[in-house]
Protein backbone atom coordinates (compact mmCIF):
# COMPACT_ATOMS: atom_id res chain seq x y z
CA UNK A 1 47.47 23.96 67.06
CA UNK A 2 44.96 22.92 69.73
CA UNK A 3 42.22 25.34 70.80
CA UNK A 4 41.90 25.89 74.52
CA UNK A 5 38.43 25.55 76.01
CA UNK A 6 37.27 27.86 78.77
CA UNK A 7 35.83 26.59 82.05
CA UNK A 8 34.63 30.01 83.16
CA UNK A 9 30.99 30.65 84.02
CA UNK A 10 30.44 34.33 83.24
CA UNK A 11 27.16 34.26 85.18
CA UNK A 12 28.84 33.17 88.41
CA UNK A 13 28.57 35.65 91.31
CA UNK A 14 32.31 35.56 91.97
CA UNK A 15 33.02 36.33 88.31
CA UNK A 16 30.71 39.34 88.35
CA UNK A 17 32.08 40.57 91.66
CA UNK A 18 35.66 40.33 90.41
CA UNK A 19 34.67 42.04 87.14
CA UNK A 20 33.30 45.01 89.09
CA UNK A 21 36.43 45.24 91.23
CA UNK A 22 38.65 45.20 88.16
CA UNK A 23 36.50 47.90 86.54
CA UNK A 24 37.38 50.01 89.58
CA UNK A 25 41.08 49.53 88.88
CA UNK A 26 40.57 50.36 85.19
CA UNK A 27 38.65 53.52 86.10
CA UNK A 28 41.55 54.58 88.32
CA UNK A 29 43.92 53.95 85.41
CA UNK A 30 41.81 56.04 83.06
CA UNK A 31 41.71 58.87 85.60
CA UNK A 32 45.50 58.84 85.88
CA UNK A 33 45.93 58.72 82.10
CA UNK A 34 43.52 61.63 81.65
CA UNK A 35 45.70 63.73 83.95
CA UNK A 36 48.85 62.65 82.10
CA UNK A 37 47.29 63.87 78.83
CA UNK A 38 46.80 67.36 80.18
CA UNK A 39 49.26 69.58 78.35
CA UNK A 40 49.49 72.54 80.69
CA UNK A 41 47.15 75.16 82.12
CA UNK A 42 44.39 76.75 80.06
CA UNK A 43 46.37 79.98 80.05
CA UNK A 44 49.51 78.29 78.71
CA UNK A 45 47.56 76.45 76.03
CA UNK A 46 45.67 79.58 75.01
CA UNK A 47 48.94 81.49 74.76
CA UNK A 48 50.43 78.75 72.57
CA UNK A 49 47.34 78.72 70.34
CA UNK A 50 47.54 82.48 69.89
CA UNK A 51 51.02 82.00 68.49
CA UNK A 52 49.79 79.50 65.92
CA UNK A 53 51.35 76.51 67.65
CA UNK A 54 50.10 72.94 67.83
CA UNK A 55 50.22 70.98 71.09
CA UNK A 56 52.66 68.11 71.65
CA UNK A 57 50.12 65.35 71.02
CA UNK A 58 48.70 67.09 67.96
CA UNK A 59 52.17 67.20 66.42
CA UNK A 60 52.43 63.42 66.88
CA UNK A 61 49.06 62.93 65.15
CA UNK A 62 50.16 64.99 62.16
CA UNK A 63 53.47 63.10 61.97
CA UNK A 64 52.04 59.57 62.04
CA UNK A 65 50.80 57.73 58.98
CA UNK A 66 47.04 58.22 58.64
CA UNK A 67 44.93 55.95 60.87
CA UNK A 68 48.02 54.13 62.19
CA UNK A 69 48.34 53.18 65.89
CA UNK A 70 50.67 54.82 68.39
CA UNK A 71 52.15 52.84 71.30
CA UNK A 72 52.65 55.42 74.04
CA UNK A 73 55.28 54.46 76.59
CA UNK A 74 55.75 55.47 80.24
CA UNK A 75 52.72 57.81 80.30
CA UNK A 76 52.61 57.86 84.12
CA UNK A 77 56.33 58.23 84.81
CA UNK A 78 56.89 60.43 87.85
CA UNK A 79 53.17 60.67 88.68
CA UNK A 80 53.81 60.41 92.44
CA UNK A 81 56.90 62.64 92.53
CA UNK A 82 55.93 65.53 94.80
CA UNK A 83 58.45 67.93 93.27
CA UNK A 84 58.00 66.75 89.68
CA UNK A 85 56.02 68.11 86.74
CA UNK A 86 53.26 65.51 86.81
CA UNK A 87 52.43 62.17 85.24
CA UNK A 88 54.55 61.50 82.17
CA UNK A 89 56.79 64.51 82.77
CA UNK A 90 57.18 67.05 79.99
CA UNK A 91 57.42 64.76 77.00
CA UNK A 92 55.17 62.31 75.20
CA UNK A 93 57.04 59.28 73.89
CA UNK A 94 56.08 56.19 71.95
CA UNK A 95 56.41 54.09 68.81
CA UNK A 96 54.49 54.73 65.61
CA UNK A 97 54.56 54.42 61.83
CA UNK A 98 56.01 57.32 59.84
CA UNK A 99 56.31 56.84 56.07
CA UNK A 100 55.56 53.13 56.67
CA UNK A 101 58.54 52.72 59.02
CA UNK A 102 58.42 52.06 62.75
CA UNK A 103 60.13 54.80 64.68
CA UNK A 104 60.41 56.23 68.18
CA UNK A 105 58.77 59.62 68.63
CA UNK A 106 59.56 62.10 71.42
CA UNK A 107 57.42 65.22 71.68
CA UNK A 108 58.24 67.93 74.22
CA UNK A 109 55.19 69.37 75.99
CA UNK A 110 56.15 73.01 75.63
CA UNK A 111 52.92 74.13 77.30
CA UNK A 112 53.82 72.32 80.54
CA UNK A 113 56.55 74.19 82.43
CA UNK A 114 57.95 75.40 79.11
CA UNK A 115 58.99 71.83 78.29
CA UNK A 116 61.69 71.99 80.98
CA UNK A 117 63.20 68.61 81.85
CA UNK A 118 62.62 67.42 85.42
CA UNK A 119 64.14 64.28 86.93
CA UNK A 120 61.33 61.92 85.88
CA UNK A 121 61.39 63.25 82.31
CA UNK A 122 65.15 62.78 82.00
CA UNK A 123 64.95 59.29 83.50
CA UNK A 124 62.10 58.48 81.13
CA UNK A 125 64.24 59.71 78.25
CA UNK A 126 66.97 57.20 79.06
CA UNK A 127 64.50 54.30 79.13
CA UNK A 128 63.10 55.48 75.79
CA UNK A 129 66.66 55.61 74.42
CA UNK A 130 67.26 52.03 75.62
CA UNK A 131 64.09 50.77 73.90
CA UNK A 132 65.08 52.64 70.74
CA UNK A 133 68.57 51.13 70.58
CA UNK A 134 67.54 47.56 71.48
CA UNK A 135 64.82 47.54 68.85
CA UNK A 136 66.93 49.39 66.25
CA UNK A 137 64.45 52.19 65.63
CA UNK A 138 65.03 55.61 64.05
CA UNK A 139 63.96 58.56 66.21
CA UNK A 140 61.98 61.72 65.56
CA UNK A 141 62.20 64.47 68.19
CA UNK A 142 59.55 67.19 68.22
CA UNK A 143 61.50 69.83 70.13
CA UNK A 144 60.25 72.70 72.27
CA UNK A 145 62.07 72.77 75.60
CA UNK A 146 63.69 75.23 77.95
CA UNK A 147 66.33 72.67 78.91
CA UNK A 148 66.95 71.23 82.36
CA UNK A 149 64.76 72.22 85.29
CA UNK A 150 67.37 74.03 87.36
CA UNK A 151 66.10 72.94 90.82
CA UNK A 152 66.60 69.36 89.56
CA UNK A 153 70.03 70.07 88.05
CA UNK A 154 71.90 67.83 90.53
CA UNK A 155 69.85 64.81 89.45
CA UNK A 156 69.34 65.72 85.80
CA UNK A 157 72.89 66.68 84.85
CA UNK A 158 74.39 63.20 84.37
CA UNK A 159 71.20 61.79 82.86
CA UNK A 160 71.19 64.57 80.27
CA UNK A 161 74.76 63.80 79.33
CA UNK A 162 73.86 60.14 78.91
CA UNK A 163 70.98 61.08 76.61
CA UNK A 164 73.36 62.99 74.32
CA UNK A 165 75.72 60.03 74.28
CA UNK A 166 72.81 57.78 73.28
CA UNK A 167 72.01 59.98 70.26
CA UNK A 168 75.58 59.70 68.95
CA UNK A 169 75.81 55.96 69.60
CA UNK A 170 72.57 55.35 67.74
CA UNK A 171 73.95 57.40 64.85
CA UNK A 172 77.07 55.22 64.84
CA UNK A 173 74.80 52.16 64.68
CA UNK A 174 72.99 53.61 61.65
CA UNK A 175 69.85 54.57 63.59
CA UNK A 176 69.01 58.07 62.44
CA UNK A 177 67.63 60.83 64.64
CA UNK A 178 65.53 63.62 63.12
CA UNK A 179 64.79 66.71 65.22
CA UNK A 180 62.19 69.33 64.36
CA UNK A 181 62.55 72.49 66.47
CA UNK A 182 59.25 74.33 67.00
CA UNK A 183 60.43 76.81 69.62
CA UNK A 184 63.14 77.08 72.25
CA UNK A 185 65.90 74.50 72.55
CA UNK A 186 68.23 76.20 74.98
CA UNK A 187 71.30 75.35 77.06
CA UNK A 188 71.78 71.56 77.09
CA UNK A 189 68.61 71.22 75.03
CA UNK A 190 70.47 72.79 72.10
CA UNK A 191 72.52 69.62 71.80
CA UNK A 192 69.43 67.57 70.85
CA UNK A 193 69.17 69.09 67.34
CA UNK A 194 72.92 69.69 67.32
CA UNK A 195 73.67 65.97 67.71
CA UNK A 196 70.85 64.73 65.50
CA UNK A 197 71.53 63.31 62.04
CA UNK A 198 68.93 65.67 60.57
CA UNK A 199 67.72 68.96 62.05
CA UNK A 200 64.72 70.99 60.90
CA UNK A 201 64.17 74.51 62.27
CA UNK A 202 60.89 76.40 62.02
CA UNK A 203 61.35 79.79 60.45
CA UNK A 204 61.11 82.80 62.82
CA UNK A 205 60.19 80.52 65.72
CA UNK A 206 63.04 78.12 66.46
CA UNK A 207 65.57 79.47 68.96
CA UNK A 208 68.57 77.24 69.58
CA UNK A 209 71.47 78.47 71.68
CA UNK A 210 73.70 77.41 74.55
CA UNK A 211 73.16 80.76 76.26
CA UNK A 212 70.53 83.42 75.69
CA UNK A 213 71.09 87.18 75.60
CA UNK A 214 70.97 87.72 79.42
CA UNK A 215 73.58 85.02 80.14
CA UNK A 216 75.81 86.16 77.28
CA UNK A 217 75.66 89.69 78.67
CA UNK A 218 76.61 88.44 82.14
CA UNK A 219 79.38 86.17 80.89
CA UNK A 220 80.99 88.29 78.16
CA UNK A 221 79.34 91.72 78.39
CA UNK A 222 78.26 91.22 74.77
CA UNK A 223 74.87 92.56 73.73
CA UNK A 224 73.05 90.25 71.32
CA UNK A 225 69.58 89.21 70.16
CA UNK A 226 67.79 85.86 70.11
CA UNK A 227 68.07 85.74 66.33
CA UNK A 228 71.81 86.50 66.33
CA UNK A 229 72.48 83.79 68.91
CA UNK A 230 70.13 81.05 67.81
CA UNK A 231 67.52 82.02 65.25
CA UNK A 232 66.34 79.55 62.64
CA UNK A 233 67.57 81.71 59.75
CA UNK A 234 70.99 82.21 61.32
CA UNK A 235 71.45 78.47 61.94
CA UNK A 236 70.22 77.67 58.42
CA UNK A 237 72.35 80.27 56.61
CA UNK A 238 75.36 80.91 58.88
CA UNK A 239 76.19 78.29 61.52
CA UNK A 240 74.92 75.23 59.62
CA UNK A 241 73.31 73.70 62.73
CA UNK A 242 70.01 73.57 60.82
CA UNK A 243 69.74 71.33 57.75
CA UNK A 244 66.24 72.40 56.69
CA UNK A 245 64.31 75.65 57.19
CA UNK A 246 60.58 74.97 57.56
CA UNK A 247 57.99 77.64 56.85
CA UNK A 248 55.67 76.45 59.64
CA UNK A 249 54.99 73.43 61.86
CA UNK A 250 53.22 71.38 59.20
CA UNK A 251 56.03 72.08 56.75
CA UNK A 252 58.55 70.84 59.32
CA UNK A 253 56.53 67.65 59.81
CA UNK A 254 56.30 67.20 56.03
CA UNK A 255 60.09 67.45 55.73
CA UNK A 256 60.56 64.88 58.52
CA UNK A 257 58.24 62.45 56.74
CA UNK A 258 60.18 62.95 53.50
CA UNK A 259 63.45 62.22 55.32
CA UNK A 260 61.92 59.05 56.79
CA UNK A 261 61.19 57.87 53.25
CA UNK A 262 64.89 58.06 52.39
CA UNK A 263 66.65 56.77 55.50
CA UNK A 264 67.76 53.17 55.78
CA UNK A 265 65.67 51.21 58.26
CA UNK A 266 65.80 47.59 59.36
CA UNK A 267 63.71 45.13 57.39
CA UNK A 268 61.16 43.07 59.33
CA UNK A 269 62.29 39.57 60.20
CA UNK A 270 58.72 38.34 59.82
CA UNK A 271 55.43 39.78 58.53
CA UNK A 272 52.15 38.06 59.49
CA UNK A 273 49.73 36.78 56.90
CA UNK A 274 46.77 38.97 56.07
CA UNK A 275 44.29 36.62 57.73
CA UNK A 276 44.63 36.77 61.52
CA UNK A 277 42.46 34.62 63.78
CA UNK A 278 40.81 36.47 66.64
CA UNK A 279 40.44 34.75 70.04
CA UNK A 280 37.18 32.82 70.25
CA UNK A 281 36.43 34.28 73.69
CA UNK A 282 35.66 37.88 74.58
CA UNK A 283 38.41 40.14 75.89
CA UNK A 284 35.82 41.69 78.23
CA UNK A 285 35.82 38.45 80.22
CA UNK A 286 39.43 39.05 81.25
CA UNK A 287 38.19 41.47 83.92
CA UNK A 288 36.16 38.72 85.54
CA UNK A 289 39.01 36.20 85.40
CA UNK A 290 42.19 37.98 86.52
CA UNK A 291 41.86 38.30 90.29
CA UNK A 292 41.43 41.82 91.64
CA UNK A 293 42.72 40.39 94.93
CA UNK A 294 46.15 38.99 94.14
CA UNK A 295 45.76 36.44 96.96
CA UNK A 296 43.01 34.65 95.02
CA UNK A 297 44.36 32.10 92.49
CA UNK A 298 43.00 31.59 88.98
CA UNK A 299 44.07 29.47 86.00
CA UNK A 300 46.28 31.64 83.79
CA UNK A 301 45.24 29.60 80.75
CA UNK A 302 41.89 31.40 80.95
CA UNK A 303 43.75 34.65 80.24
CA UNK A 304 45.96 33.13 77.53
CA UNK A 305 43.06 31.81 75.46
CA UNK A 306 41.54 35.31 75.40
CA UNK A 307 44.65 37.03 74.01
CA UNK A 308 46.15 34.55 71.50
CA UNK A 309 45.16 33.94 67.89
CA UNK A 310 42.20 31.59 67.60
CA UNK A 311 42.58 30.75 71.32
CA UNK A 312 45.15 28.21 70.11
CA UNK A 313 48.01 27.23 72.41
CA UNK A 314 50.48 24.35 72.15
CA UNK A 315 51.35 23.68 75.78
CA UNK A 316 54.75 22.22 76.68
CA UNK A 317 54.96 19.57 79.44
CA UNK A 318 51.42 20.29 80.63
CA UNK A 319 51.49 17.51 83.24
CA UNK A 320 54.88 18.45 84.72
CA UNK A 321 55.73 21.45 86.88
CA UNK A 322 52.12 22.62 86.76
CA UNK A 323 52.70 25.97 88.50
CA UNK A 324 54.40 27.26 85.35
CA UNK A 325 52.50 27.19 82.04
CA UNK A 326 54.73 27.15 78.95
CA UNK A 327 53.76 26.88 75.32
CA UNK A 328 53.85 28.24 71.79
CA UNK A 329 51.22 30.31 70.07
CA UNK A 330 50.68 33.38 67.86
CA UNK A 331 49.52 36.88 68.73
CA UNK A 332 48.37 39.04 65.80
CA UNK A 333 50.09 36.51 63.57
CA UNK A 334 53.49 36.70 65.30
CA UNK A 335 54.93 33.41 66.63
CA UNK A 336 55.78 33.62 70.34
CA UNK A 337 56.49 31.46 73.36
CA UNK A 338 54.56 32.14 76.57
CA UNK A 339 55.84 31.50 80.09
CA UNK A 340 53.13 32.14 82.68
CA UNK A 341 52.93 31.67 86.44
CA UNK A 342 50.14 29.53 87.83
CA UNK A 343 51.24 29.76 91.45
CA UNK A 344 54.41 29.49 93.48
CA UNK A 345 57.50 28.23 91.59
CA UNK A 346 58.64 24.70 92.52
CA UNK A 347 61.84 23.02 91.31
CA UNK A 348 59.98 21.04 88.66
CA UNK A 349 58.36 24.19 87.29
CA UNK A 350 61.71 26.00 87.23
CA UNK A 351 63.38 23.13 85.39
CA UNK A 352 60.57 22.90 82.83
CA UNK A 353 60.79 26.61 82.15
CA UNK A 354 64.56 26.47 81.78
CA UNK A 355 64.21 23.80 79.11
CA UNK A 356 61.48 25.81 77.36
CA UNK A 357 63.71 28.89 77.22
CA UNK A 358 66.49 26.81 75.64
CA UNK A 359 64.08 25.46 73.02
CA UNK A 360 62.76 28.93 72.23
CA UNK A 361 66.30 30.16 71.70
CA UNK A 362 67.01 27.24 69.38
CA UNK A 363 63.91 28.19 67.39
CA UNK A 364 64.61 31.97 67.49
CA UNK A 365 61.21 32.58 69.06
CA UNK A 366 60.51 35.64 71.27
CA UNK A 367 59.18 35.04 74.77
CA UNK A 368 56.38 36.62 76.80
CA UNK A 369 56.62 36.28 80.59
CA UNK A 370 53.29 36.61 82.45
CA UNK A 371 53.89 37.32 86.15
CA UNK A 372 51.66 36.10 88.96
CA UNK A 373 53.73 34.48 91.66
CA UNK A 374 54.81 34.99 95.26
CA UNK A 375 58.20 33.56 94.33
CA UNK A 376 60.07 30.28 94.73
CA UNK A 377 58.81 27.68 97.21
CA UNK A 378 60.55 27.69 100.59
CA UNK A 379 60.82 25.18 103.42
CA UNK A 380 63.10 22.39 104.58
CA UNK A 381 62.04 19.80 102.04
CA UNK A 382 62.32 22.23 99.14
CA UNK A 383 65.70 23.57 100.21
CA UNK A 384 67.05 20.04 100.47
CA UNK A 385 65.58 19.20 97.05
CA UNK A 386 67.62 22.03 95.50
CA UNK A 387 65.21 24.92 95.03
CA UNK A 388 68.16 27.34 95.12
CA UNK A 389 70.11 25.65 92.33
CA UNK A 390 67.00 25.11 90.22
CA UNK A 391 65.88 28.69 90.70
CA UNK A 392 69.41 29.87 89.90
CA UNK A 393 69.34 27.77 86.73
CA UNK A 394 66.15 29.50 85.62
CA UNK A 395 67.57 32.94 86.35
CA UNK A 396 70.74 31.95 84.44
CA UNK A 397 68.64 31.01 81.39
CA UNK A 398 66.55 34.20 81.60
CA UNK A 399 69.70 36.32 81.92
CA UNK A 400 71.50 34.78 78.97
CA UNK A 401 68.62 34.12 76.60
CA UNK A 402 69.07 36.29 73.51
CA UNK A 403 65.62 36.15 71.95
CA UNK A 404 63.53 39.24 72.73
CA UNK A 405 61.63 39.14 76.02
CA UNK A 406 58.38 40.93 76.82
CA UNK A 407 57.02 40.92 80.39
CA UNK A 408 53.47 41.39 81.62
CA UNK A 409 52.53 41.70 85.31
CA UNK A 410 48.98 40.54 85.95
CA UNK A 411 49.08 39.86 89.72
CA UNK A 412 51.85 39.46 92.25
CA UNK A 413 55.53 39.50 91.31
CA UNK A 414 57.51 38.99 94.49
CA UNK A 415 61.06 38.14 95.46
CA UNK A 416 63.31 36.09 93.21
CA UNK A 417 60.17 35.03 91.35
CA UNK A 418 60.33 38.46 89.70
CA UNK A 419 63.89 37.71 88.60
CA UNK A 420 63.02 34.26 87.26
CA UNK A 421 60.17 35.84 85.31
CA UNK A 422 62.33 38.49 83.65
CA UNK A 423 61.49 41.51 85.80
CA UNK A 424 62.71 45.04 85.11
CA UNK A 425 66.29 44.36 86.26
CA UNK A 426 66.61 41.68 83.56
CA UNK A 427 65.97 44.15 80.73
CA UNK A 428 62.86 42.94 78.91
CA UNK A 429 62.32 44.78 75.63
CA UNK A 430 58.94 45.88 77.01
CA UNK A 431 57.27 45.50 80.40
CA UNK A 432 53.58 46.23 80.95
CA UNK A 433 51.48 45.90 84.08
CA UNK A 434 47.84 45.50 85.04
CA UNK A 435 46.49 48.09 87.49
CA UNK A 436 45.86 45.42 90.15
CA UNK A 437 49.42 44.05 90.03
CA UNK A 438 51.85 44.26 92.92
CA UNK A 439 55.64 44.14 93.03
CA UNK A 440 58.16 43.77 95.84
CA UNK A 441 60.62 41.65 97.78
CA UNK A 442 57.65 39.94 99.47
CA UNK A 443 54.07 40.65 100.48
CA UNK A 444 53.49 43.48 102.96
CA UNK A 445 52.20 41.20 105.76
CA UNK A 446 55.10 38.79 105.31
CA UNK A 447 57.62 41.63 105.32
CA UNK A 448 56.21 43.16 108.50
CA UNK A 449 55.93 39.73 110.12
CA UNK A 450 59.58 38.91 109.39
CA UNK A 451 60.69 42.24 110.84
CA UNK A 452 58.61 41.60 113.98
CA UNK A 453 60.21 38.17 114.48
CA UNK A 454 63.69 39.67 114.08
CA UNK A 455 62.91 42.44 116.61
CA UNK A 456 61.56 39.96 119.16
CA UNK A 457 64.56 37.66 118.76
CA UNK A 458 66.94 40.59 119.13
CA UNK A 459 65.12 41.86 122.24
CA UNK A 460 65.17 38.39 123.79
CA UNK A 461 68.91 37.99 123.22
CA UNK A 462 69.53 41.41 124.82
CA UNK A 463 67.11 40.82 127.69
CA UNK A 464 64.99 43.79 126.67
CA UNK A 465 61.22 44.03 127.21
CA UNK A 466 59.35 45.29 124.17
CA UNK A 467 56.47 47.75 124.18
CA UNK A 468 53.70 45.69 122.57
CA UNK A 469 51.63 48.70 121.58
CA UNK A 470 54.63 50.28 119.86
CA UNK A 471 55.52 47.00 118.12
CA UNK A 472 52.01 46.62 116.67
CA UNK A 473 51.89 50.28 115.61
CA UNK A 474 55.24 50.01 113.83
CA UNK A 475 54.11 46.74 112.22
CA UNK A 476 50.95 48.33 110.82
CA UNK A 477 52.89 51.35 109.55
CA UNK A 478 55.29 49.01 107.77
CA UNK A 479 52.39 47.08 106.22
CA UNK A 480 50.77 50.29 105.00
CA UNK A 481 54.02 51.61 103.49
CA UNK A 482 54.89 48.28 101.86
CA UNK A 483 51.38 47.97 100.40
CA UNK A 484 51.62 51.47 98.94
CA UNK A 485 55.06 50.86 97.43
CA UNK A 486 53.93 47.53 95.97
CA UNK A 487 51.12 49.08 93.90
CA UNK A 488 51.20 49.44 90.14
CA UNK A 489 50.89 53.21 90.60
CA UNK A 490 54.08 53.43 92.63
CA UNK A 491 55.92 51.08 90.28
CA UNK A 492 54.96 52.95 87.14
CA UNK A 493 55.77 56.30 88.76
CA UNK A 494 59.27 54.94 89.45
CA UNK A 495 59.56 53.67 85.84
CA UNK A 496 59.64 50.01 86.88
CA UNK A 497 57.35 49.29 83.92
CA UNK A 498 56.71 50.82 80.51
CA UNK A 499 53.04 51.43 81.17
CA UNK A 500 50.01 50.27 83.13
CA UNK A 501 47.41 48.93 80.71
CA UNK A 502 43.73 48.05 80.60
CA UNK A 503 43.73 44.21 80.73
CA UNK A 504 41.24 44.15 77.86
CA UNK A 505 43.89 45.74 75.62
CA UNK A 506 46.52 43.08 76.41
CA UNK A 507 46.38 41.45 72.98
CA UNK A 508 46.92 44.77 71.19
CA UNK A 509 49.81 45.87 73.40
CA UNK A 510 51.57 42.52 73.07
CA UNK A 511 50.89 42.39 69.33
CA UNK A 512 52.37 45.85 68.81
CA UNK A 513 55.40 44.98 70.95
CA UNK A 514 55.91 41.81 68.90
CA UNK A 515 55.71 43.83 65.67
CA UNK A 516 58.53 45.99 67.04
CA UNK A 517 60.79 43.12 68.12
CA UNK A 518 60.20 41.30 64.82
CA UNK A 519 61.38 44.42 62.99
CA UNK A 520 64.92 43.02 63.03
CA UNK A 521 66.58 39.60 62.88
CA UNK A 522 65.93 37.39 65.89
CA UNK A 523 68.73 35.06 66.88
CA UNK A 524 68.69 32.92 70.02
CA UNK A 525 71.60 32.03 72.27
CA UNK A 526 73.58 28.80 72.14
CA UNK A 527 75.52 29.40 75.34
CA UNK A 528 74.72 30.07 78.98
CA UNK A 529 76.60 30.50 82.23
CA UNK A 530 77.59 27.55 84.42
CA UNK A 531 74.69 26.12 86.42
CA UNK A 532 74.41 23.22 88.87
CA UNK A 533 72.66 20.07 87.69
């Protein structure tokens, strides 16, 4: 496979300036992630320590195979929700190796709001469940939660029900769920261990009940204790809700690892060779290449050659439809097709990409979509040349392709260009974003400009005189709001991606995602919907 050669001058002033701007974005990301890793107030943590408890992230570390990586997902979910519980909500979720098997891990942060489930946390849980099912992963829940956050009950109620349904449907599909209960699992939260395939309760600590003593007293006038209603010993010896009684937290984790050794898991479709070629160019240079200002173009090949094995890339139709770059390569030894924007999408670029998707499905090769486009080209000549039908053809192929898709947003992702590049609504297996990326129907200035034109045309037809000062004020307010809602921070808070990442870690994130999608058989599609030729 041909090695790509870089044309970047790392000593150029514009390169250094862009590098510094991107470092600013990365620093913002690290600040947000640091906040998301906070596991409650000092008082709450101290109280938990005094009871001999580990924190949510520590439990994950003990559970994982030694020195193995952990792909945390949705760490900033809900970060901008004013009434929420903070970035990431009250659970830590991600994919890791347990007893040499890939599995999804959910760990309740019991030291943050008692592990209660707010809206963002419940919404995050459903996305995690979707990733788990699509990638056929077993699940391990590290449980310590007070159940639904009651002020959020109107928004959480249906989502919670869906999460219980997901547990049972995964069980039907042969995807086991193991739950270790380290503390409270009350009300609806009691159904998490109750519906799991395997449940492990910590002795003298686990409390699992639909209603605690105060509610039972109010509802039935019965006087009861925590242990009688939901103690670990009671559930292990009387009710049968518990399958294993653990002496302490480490014992519970040990039991879970033993169970993972015995459960049936999918066999990898492909395992890379031991010798993996590293890119020949430094990943640090990515920060000087990917434009901090999304309005400034750059050649996406310069990014590709810094993330693929040996900087080798077999480009498809390089001379045709040049605003889309398509080709085959490997990342961490895994074969993959790459579809990357190199500008606005013209008909030729859309048609080339459609053909490439068909070929990748014939070869059972996963696809990575790298977003940096303002959308499909508009204008009289392009409309008459069939940009709608060619764009629709691309969206048809993206929608009906059956090889796994992974999406990466590195710049702008606007309008139907987002759809043609397998945006969130097209269900990629994973979707990651750079901190400089922006997402929306169109750019903020274009959006405000369109609205201004519509207002002026409406006023003219009605014979109304507009207040120019008011028009310009409203226009600027719309630009400011649209710019804010287009940011990666807003998008990730709303769960429109699975995580904002440091661009220098792109290769590792994509490699891990490919390891997950290759953990089962990959079979492409031979059929698509009707499209116009």
